[in-house]
Structures are given as structure tokens and as C-alpha cells.
Amino acid sequence: MKYLVMVQGSKADYDAMSGQANEHSPAWSEKDLQAMYAFMTDLNNDLAESGEMVDGQGLTSPAQERSVFRGADGKVVVTDGPYSETKELLAGFWILDCESVERVTAIAERITECPQPEGAPFYPVIIRPIDSGAGGDV
């Protein structure tokens, strides 16, 4: 079965990763970033080798986000950047093809071991089965 595995973050996290400490998170050093990238590279390589990786991506800063929606008048509204009230956002994801929910949960547990600086916030890793009957197979 295929699963969408998501990691969350916030704009403050992206700021901290670019070296700007804030009340939410300490500034990340180059060493902190390299440790995170090495961890993710190893994880992705292991998932590719096991045949479970379908896709996985980290997402850019929410400053590059674009939202498209219909306003109350029915007209399309396009805005750049996240809504100011957005506290958490999708920071990255994997689409994995795993034999069981227990296996994808074990992978999610591994994701929670990703190194980060002392004092940085922890977010849950969210697992959602992909409903292949709702729109085809990925």
C-alpha cells in the first residue's frame, strides 16, 4: 500500500534554518544543516534501496508559496506567501510503498530521529494512506 508521510514546520523554522534565531527556534548553524541533510540523504538512499521510495521532497520556504482560491464573490484570488495566521505548514513529504502500516510507522519513527539544534521544536510525522481508488494509482 502507498502512504503519504509528511513532516511539518513553520515559517519560524525556515527562518531559523537560514540563521535567524527567534522565540520559536534557535538559529541553525551550517553544521546543523549538514547533519540534517546527511540524515535525510541516508534515509532516502535506504528507502530507494529497499524499493519503498516512490517520491520524497523537501519544500521551499513558505515565502515562495502561492495560494489560489475563490473569494466570497466567486472570483479567483491569488496570493503569494502563506496566510499570516498559518502556524504549521507542510515542510516535506515522502510517498512510500510499504507492505504494512507497521513498516511505514517504523520509517516515521526513524524520521523523528533527524538531528536538529538543541531547543528546536519537534513536530509529529503524519502518515496518511493513499486511496488509489479515488483517482488512480501514483
N, C-alpha and C. Protein backbone atom coordinates (compact mmCIF):
# COMPACT_ATOMS: atom_id res chain seq x y z
N MET A 1 0.84 -1.18 0.00
CA MET A 1 0.00 0.00 0.00
C MET A 1 0.89 1.25 0.00
N LYS A 2 0.39 2.28 -0.62
CA LYS A 2 1.14 3.54 -0.67
C LYS A 2 0.67 4.46 0.44
N TYR A 3 1.64 5.20 0.98
CA TYR A 3 1.39 6.13 2.07
C TYR A 3 2.04 7.47 1.77
N LEU A 4 1.37 8.53 2.20
CA LEU A 4 1.95 9.86 2.20
C LEU A 4 2.46 10.10 3.61
N VAL A 5 3.76 10.35 3.74
CA VAL A 5 4.40 10.61 5.03
C VAL A 5 4.83 12.07 5.01
N MET A 6 4.31 12.85 5.96
CA MET A 6 4.53 14.30 5.92
C MET A 6 5.26 14.78 7.17
N VAL A 7 6.14 15.75 6.97
CA VAL A 7 6.77 16.45 8.09
C VAL A 7 6.31 17.89 8.06
N GLN A 8 6.05 18.42 9.24
CA GLN A 8 5.53 19.77 9.35
C GLN A 8 6.65 20.73 9.76
N GLY A 9 6.36 21.98 9.69
CA GLY A 9 7.26 23.03 10.12
C GLY A 9 6.48 24.32 10.22
N SER A 10 7.22 25.43 10.34
CA SER A 10 6.59 26.74 10.38
C SER A 10 7.53 27.73 9.68
N LYS A 11 7.02 28.91 9.40
CA LYS A 11 7.87 29.93 8.81
C LYS A 11 9.04 30.23 9.73
N ALA A 12 8.80 30.24 11.04
CA ALA A 12 9.87 30.49 12.02
C ALA A 12 10.97 29.44 11.89
N ASP A 13 10.61 28.20 11.58
CA ASP A 13 11.61 27.14 11.39
C ASP A 13 12.48 27.43 10.17
N TYR A 14 11.84 27.85 9.09
CA TYR A 14 12.60 28.18 7.88
C TYR A 14 13.54 29.36 8.17
N ASP A 15 13.06 30.35 8.94
CA ASP A 15 13.92 31.48 9.31
C ASP A 15 15.11 31.00 10.13
N ALA A 16 14.85 30.11 11.11
CA ALA A 16 15.92 29.58 11.95
C ALA A 16 16.94 28.79 11.12
N MET A 17 16.45 28.04 10.14
CA MET A 17 17.36 27.26 9.30
C MET A 17 18.22 28.16 8.42
N SER A 18 17.77 29.39 8.21
CA SER A 18 18.59 30.33 7.43
C SER A 18 19.42 31.22 8.35
N GLY A 19 19.52 30.84 9.64
CA GLY A 19 20.40 31.53 10.57
C GLY A 19 19.76 32.61 11.41
N GLN A 20 18.43 32.73 11.36
CA GLN A 20 17.73 33.78 12.11
C GLN A 20 17.02 33.16 13.32
N ALA A 21 17.64 33.26 14.49
CA ALA A 21 17.02 32.75 15.72
C ALA A 21 15.73 33.52 15.98
N ASN A 22 14.80 32.89 16.64
CA ASN A 22 13.55 33.54 17.00
C ASN A 22 13.00 32.88 18.26
N GLU A 23 11.89 33.37 18.77
CA GLU A 23 11.32 32.82 20.01
C GLU A 23 10.89 31.37 19.84
N HIS A 24 10.77 30.92 18.62
CA HIS A 24 10.30 29.57 18.31
C HIS A 24 11.45 28.57 18.20
N SER A 25 12.61 29.03 17.72
CA SER A 25 13.71 28.11 17.42
C SER A 25 15.05 28.83 17.43
N PRO A 26 16.11 28.15 17.87
CA PRO A 26 17.44 28.74 17.78
C PRO A 26 17.91 28.75 16.32
N ALA A 27 18.87 29.61 16.03
CA ALA A 27 19.45 29.65 14.68
C ALA A 27 20.18 28.33 14.41
N TRP A 28 20.02 27.83 13.21
CA TRP A 28 20.74 26.63 12.79
C TRP A 28 22.11 27.06 12.25
N SER A 29 23.12 26.29 12.60
CA SER A 29 24.45 26.52 12.06
C SER A 29 24.60 25.71 10.76
N GLU A 30 25.67 25.98 10.04
CA GLU A 30 25.96 25.20 8.83
C GLU A 30 26.15 23.72 9.21
N LYS A 31 26.76 23.47 10.35
CA LYS A 31 26.95 22.09 10.82
C LYS A 31 25.60 21.42 11.09
N ASP A 32 24.66 22.15 11.70
CA ASP A 32 23.32 21.60 11.94
C ASP A 32 22.64 21.23 10.63
N LEU A 33 22.71 22.13 9.66
CA LEU A 33 22.09 21.87 8.35
C LEU A 33 22.71 20.66 7.67
N GLN A 34 24.04 20.58 7.69
CA GLN A 34 24.73 19.46 7.05
C GLN A 34 24.35 18.14 7.71
N ALA A 35 24.20 18.13 9.05
CA ALA A 35 23.79 16.91 9.75
C ALA A 35 22.39 16.49 9.32
N MET A 36 21.48 17.46 9.20
CA MET A 36 20.12 17.15 8.75
C MET A 36 20.13 16.61 7.31
N TYR A 37 20.87 17.28 6.42
CA TYR A 37 20.92 16.83 5.03
C TYR A 37 21.54 15.44 4.92
N ALA A 38 22.57 15.16 5.69
CA ALA A 38 23.20 13.82 5.66
C ALA A 38 22.21 12.76 6.14
N PHE A 39 21.49 13.06 7.20
CA PHE A 39 20.48 12.12 7.72
C PHE A 39 19.43 11.83 6.66
N MET A 40 18.90 12.89 6.04
CA MET A 40 17.85 12.71 5.04
C MET A 40 18.37 11.97 3.80
N THR A 41 19.60 12.25 3.40
CA THR A 41 20.19 11.54 2.27
C THR A 41 20.31 10.05 2.57
N ASP A 42 20.81 9.71 3.76
CA ASP A 42 20.92 8.30 4.15
C ASP A 42 19.55 7.63 4.19
N LEU A 43 18.57 8.31 4.77
CA LEU A 43 17.21 7.77 4.83
C LEU A 43 16.67 7.53 3.43
N ASN A 44 16.78 8.51 2.57
CA ASN A 44 16.26 8.38 1.20
C ASN A 44 16.98 7.27 0.44
N ASN A 45 18.28 7.17 0.62
CA ASN A 45 19.03 6.09 -0.05
C ASN A 45 18.57 4.72 0.44
N ASP A 46 18.35 4.58 1.75
CA ASP A 46 17.86 3.31 2.29
C ASP A 46 16.48 2.96 1.75
N LEU A 47 15.60 3.96 1.67
CA LEU A 47 14.25 3.72 1.15
C LEU A 47 14.27 3.38 -0.34
N ALA A 48 15.16 4.02 -1.09
CA ALA A 48 15.29 3.69 -2.51
C ALA A 48 15.82 2.27 -2.67
N GLU A 49 16.82 1.91 -1.86
CA GLU A 49 17.42 0.57 -1.95
C GLU A 49 16.41 -0.52 -1.59
N SER A 50 15.53 -0.24 -0.62
CA SER A 50 14.52 -1.23 -0.21
C SER A 50 13.36 -1.31 -1.21
N GLY A 51 13.29 -0.34 -2.15
CA GLY A 51 12.21 -0.31 -3.12
C GLY A 51 10.94 0.35 -2.60
N GLU A 52 11.01 0.96 -1.41
CA GLU A 52 9.81 1.57 -0.83
C GLU A 52 9.62 3.03 -1.25
N MET A 53 10.67 3.68 -1.72
CA MET A 53 10.58 5.10 -2.09
C MET A 53 9.90 5.25 -3.44
N VAL A 54 8.80 5.97 -3.45
CA VAL A 54 8.15 6.36 -4.69
C VAL A 54 8.59 7.78 -5.04
N ASP A 55 8.54 8.66 -4.04
CA ASP A 55 8.99 10.05 -4.21
C ASP A 55 9.20 10.63 -2.83
N GLY A 56 9.97 11.67 -2.74
CA GLY A 56 10.18 12.40 -1.50
C GLY A 56 10.78 13.75 -1.82
N GLN A 57 10.27 14.79 -1.18
CA GLN A 57 10.75 16.13 -1.47
C GLN A 57 10.68 16.99 -0.22
N GLY A 58 11.68 17.86 -0.07
CA GLY A 58 11.59 18.94 0.89
C GLY A 58 11.01 20.13 0.16
N LEU A 59 10.25 20.94 0.86
CA LEU A 59 9.60 22.07 0.21
C LEU A 59 10.34 23.37 0.55
N THR A 60 10.27 24.33 -0.36
CA THR A 60 10.95 25.61 -0.17
C THR A 60 10.24 26.43 0.91
N SER A 61 10.84 27.53 1.25
CA SER A 61 10.30 28.44 2.26
C SER A 61 8.87 28.84 1.91
N PRO A 62 8.02 29.00 2.93
CA PRO A 62 6.64 29.43 2.65
C PRO A 62 6.57 30.81 2.02
N ALA A 63 7.65 31.56 2.04
CA ALA A 63 7.66 32.86 1.36
C ALA A 63 7.45 32.69 -0.14
N GLN A 64 7.73 31.49 -0.66
CA GLN A 64 7.57 31.22 -2.09
C GLN A 64 6.22 30.58 -2.42
N GLU A 65 5.37 30.46 -1.42
CA GLU A 65 4.06 29.83 -1.59
C GLU A 65 3.12 30.73 -2.40
N ARG A 66 2.23 30.11 -3.12
CA ARG A 66 1.17 30.82 -3.83
C ARG A 66 -0.13 30.09 -3.52
N SER A 67 -1.14 30.84 -3.13
CA SER A 67 -2.46 30.28 -2.83
C SER A 67 -3.45 30.76 -3.88
N VAL A 68 -4.28 29.84 -4.34
CA VAL A 68 -5.31 30.15 -5.33
C VAL A 68 -6.63 29.65 -4.76
N PHE A 69 -7.60 30.56 -4.63
CA PHE A 69 -8.90 30.19 -4.08
C PHE A 69 -9.98 31.11 -4.62
N ARG A 70 -11.21 30.73 -4.38
CA ARG A 70 -12.35 31.56 -4.80
C ARG A 70 -12.78 32.42 -3.62
N GLY A 71 -12.92 33.71 -3.87
CA GLY A 71 -13.40 34.64 -2.85
C GLY A 71 -14.91 34.51 -2.68
N ALA A 72 -15.43 35.27 -1.73
CA ALA A 72 -16.87 35.24 -1.44
C ALA A 72 -17.70 35.63 -2.66
N ASP A 73 -17.11 36.46 -3.54
CA ASP A 73 -17.83 36.89 -4.75
C ASP A 73 -17.71 35.90 -5.90
N GLY A 74 -17.00 34.77 -5.65
CA GLY A 74 -16.85 33.74 -6.67
C GLY A 74 -15.67 33.95 -7.59
N LYS A 75 -14.98 35.08 -7.47
CA LYS A 75 -13.82 35.36 -8.32
C LYS A 75 -12.56 34.71 -7.73
N VAL A 76 -11.67 34.31 -8.61
CA VAL A 76 -10.41 33.69 -8.19
C VAL A 76 -9.51 34.76 -7.58
N VAL A 77 -8.92 34.41 -6.44
CA VAL A 77 -7.97 35.27 -5.74
C VAL A 77 -6.64 34.52 -5.68
N VAL A 78 -5.57 35.19 -6.03
CA VAL A 78 -4.23 34.61 -5.99
C VAL A 78 -3.39 35.45 -5.03
N THR A 79 -2.79 34.79 -4.04
CA THR A 79 -1.92 35.49 -3.10
C THR A 79 -0.57 34.79 -3.05
N ASP A 80 0.47 35.55 -2.76
CA ASP A 80 1.81 34.99 -2.59
C ASP A 80 2.12 34.93 -1.10
N GLY A 81 2.85 33.87 -0.72
CA GLY A 81 3.21 33.70 0.67
C GLY A 81 2.08 33.07 1.47
N PRO A 82 2.41 32.55 2.66
CA PRO A 82 1.39 31.88 3.47
C PRO A 82 0.46 32.90 4.13
N TYR A 83 -0.69 32.43 4.53
CA TYR A 83 -1.58 33.27 5.33
C TYR A 83 -0.87 33.60 6.64
N SER A 84 -1.04 34.80 7.14
CA SER A 84 -0.35 35.21 8.36
C SER A 84 -0.76 34.36 9.56
N GLU A 85 -1.98 33.83 9.55
CA GLU A 85 -2.42 33.03 10.69
C GLU A 85 -1.95 31.57 10.62
N THR A 86 -1.27 31.19 9.54
CA THR A 86 -0.77 29.83 9.40
C THR A 86 0.34 29.58 10.42
N LYS A 87 0.11 28.61 11.30
CA LYS A 87 1.11 28.30 12.32
C LYS A 87 2.02 27.16 11.86
N GLU A 88 1.42 26.10 11.34
CA GLU A 88 2.20 24.96 10.85
C GLU A 88 1.92 24.78 9.37
N LEU A 89 2.92 24.26 8.68
CA LEU A 89 2.78 24.04 7.25
C LEU A 89 3.54 22.79 6.86
N LEU A 90 3.29 22.32 5.68
CA LEU A 90 3.97 21.14 5.17
C LEU A 90 5.39 21.52 4.78
N ALA A 91 6.38 20.87 5.40
CA ALA A 91 7.78 21.18 5.13
C ALA A 91 8.40 20.18 4.13
N GLY A 92 7.88 18.98 4.09
CA GLY A 92 8.40 17.97 3.17
C GLY A 92 7.54 16.72 3.24
N PHE A 93 7.77 15.81 2.30
CA PHE A 93 6.95 14.61 2.25
C PHE A 93 7.69 13.48 1.55
N TRP A 94 7.20 12.28 1.79
CA TRP A 94 7.59 11.08 1.06
C TRP A 94 6.32 10.39 0.61
N ILE A 95 6.35 9.78 -0.54
CA ILE A 95 5.34 8.81 -0.92
C ILE A 95 6.06 7.47 -0.89
N LEU A 96 5.59 6.60 -0.02
CA LEU A 96 6.25 5.31 0.20
C LEU A 96 5.30 4.18 -0.13
N ASP A 97 5.84 3.11 -0.66
CA ASP A 97 5.09 1.91 -0.95
C ASP A 97 5.58 0.85 0.03
N CYS A 98 4.81 0.62 1.10
CA CYS A 98 5.22 -0.27 2.19
C CYS A 98 4.27 -1.44 2.32
N GLU A 99 4.78 -2.51 2.86
CA GLU A 99 3.98 -3.72 3.00
C GLU A 99 2.94 -3.63 4.10
N SER A 100 3.13 -2.70 5.06
CA SER A 100 2.17 -2.61 6.17
C SER A 100 2.25 -1.25 6.84
N VAL A 101 1.21 -0.94 7.62
CA VAL A 101 1.22 0.30 8.39
C VAL A 101 2.30 0.25 9.46
N GLU A 102 2.62 -0.96 9.94
CA GLU A 102 3.69 -1.08 10.93
C GLU A 102 5.03 -0.68 10.32
N ARG A 103 5.27 -1.06 9.07
CA ARG A 103 6.54 -0.71 8.41
C ARG A 103 6.63 0.79 8.18
N VAL A 104 5.58 1.42 7.68
CA VAL A 104 5.63 2.86 7.45
C VAL A 104 5.75 3.61 8.78
N THR A 105 5.17 3.06 9.85
CA THR A 105 5.30 3.67 11.17
C THR A 105 6.75 3.59 11.65
N ALA A 106 7.42 2.48 11.39
CA ALA A 106 8.83 2.35 11.76
C ALA A 106 9.68 3.39 11.01
N ILE A 107 9.35 3.63 9.75
CA ILE A 107 10.06 4.66 8.97
C ILE A 107 9.80 6.04 9.57
N ALA A 108 8.56 6.31 9.94
CA ALA A 108 8.23 7.59 10.57
C ALA A 108 8.98 7.77 11.87
N GLU A 109 9.12 6.70 12.65
CA GLU A 109 9.91 6.77 13.88
C GLU A 109 11.35 7.15 13.57
N ARG A 110 11.90 6.60 12.51
CA ARG A 110 13.27 6.95 12.11
C ARG A 110 13.36 8.43 11.73
N ILE A 111 12.35 8.94 11.03
CA ILE A 111 12.35 10.34 10.63
C ILE A 111 12.43 11.25 11.85
N THR A 112 11.77 10.85 12.96
CA THR A 112 11.80 11.68 14.17
C THR A 112 13.20 11.76 14.78
N GLU A 113 14.12 10.93 14.34
CA GLU A 113 15.49 10.95 14.85
C GLU A 113 16.38 11.94 14.11
N CYS A 114 15.82 12.66 13.15
CA CYS A 114 16.60 13.62 12.37
C CYS A 114 17.26 14.64 13.31
N PRO A 115 18.57 14.84 13.17
CA PRO A 115 19.26 15.78 14.06
C PRO A 115 18.81 17.22 13.83
N GLN A 116 18.78 17.97 14.92
CA GLN A 116 18.46 19.39 14.87
C GLN A 116 19.10 20.04 16.10
N PRO A 117 19.24 21.36 16.08
CA PRO A 117 19.88 22.01 17.23
C PRO A 117 19.05 21.89 18.50
N GLU A 118 19.73 21.92 19.63
CA GLU A 118 19.06 21.92 20.93
C GLU A 118 18.07 23.07 21.00
N GLY A 119 16.85 22.79 21.42
CA GLY A 119 15.83 23.82 21.56
C GLY A 119 14.92 23.99 20.35
N ALA A 120 15.24 23.33 19.24
CA ALA A 120 14.36 23.41 18.07
C ALA A 120 13.10 22.60 18.34
N PRO A 121 11.96 23.03 17.83
CA PRO A 121 10.70 22.32 18.11
C PRO A 121 10.62 20.98 17.39
N PHE A 122 9.89 20.07 17.99
CA PHE A 122 9.63 18.77 17.37
C PHE A 122 8.20 18.77 16.84
N TYR A 123 8.01 18.18 15.68
CA TYR A 123 6.69 18.06 15.07
C TYR A 123 6.39 16.58 14.86
N PRO A 124 5.12 16.22 14.86
CA PRO A 124 4.79 14.83 14.54
C PRO A 124 5.06 14.54 13.07
N VAL A 125 5.32 13.29 12.78
CA VAL A 125 5.39 12.83 11.40
C VAL A 125 4.02 12.23 11.11
N ILE A 126 3.35 12.74 10.09
CA ILE A 126 1.98 12.35 9.78
C ILE A 126 1.98 11.30 8.67
N ILE A 127 1.23 10.23 8.88
CA ILE A 127 1.10 9.15 7.89
C ILE A 127 -0.34 9.12 7.42
N ARG A 128 -0.52 9.16 6.10
CA ARG A 128 -1.86 9.04 5.52
C ARG A 128 -1.81 8.00 4.40
N PRO A 129 -2.64 6.96 4.48
CA PRO A 129 -2.73 6.02 3.36
C PRO A 129 -3.24 6.75 2.12
N ILE A 130 -2.74 6.37 0.98
CA ILE A 130 -3.18 6.95 -0.29
C ILE A 130 -4.31 6.08 -0.83
N ASP A 131 -5.43 6.68 -1.11
CA ASP A 131 -6.60 5.99 -1.63
C ASP A 131 -6.45 5.86 -3.14
N SER A 132 -5.89 4.77 -3.58
CA SER A 132 -5.64 4.61 -5.01
C SER A 132 -6.93 4.47 -5.81
N GLY A 133 -8.04 4.19 -5.15
CA GLY A 133 -9.32 4.09 -5.85
C GLY A 133 -9.96 5.43 -6.11
N ALA A 134 -9.44 6.48 -5.45
CA ALA A 134 -10.07 7.81 -5.57
C ALA A 134 -9.62 8.58 -6.80
N GLY A 135 -8.55 8.19 -7.41
CA GLY A 135 -8.11 8.96 -8.56
C GLY A 135 -7.00 8.27 -9.31
N GLY A 136 -6.90 7.00 -9.14
CA GLY A 136 -5.85 6.28 -9.84
C GLY A 136 -4.67 6.01 -8.93
N ASP A 137 -3.74 5.28 -9.44
CA ASP A 137 -2.55 4.90 -8.70
C ASP A 137 -1.43 5.90 -8.96
N VAL A 138 -0.62 6.15 -7.94
CA VAL A 138 0.51 7.07 -8.08
C VAL A 138 1.63 6.39 -8.81
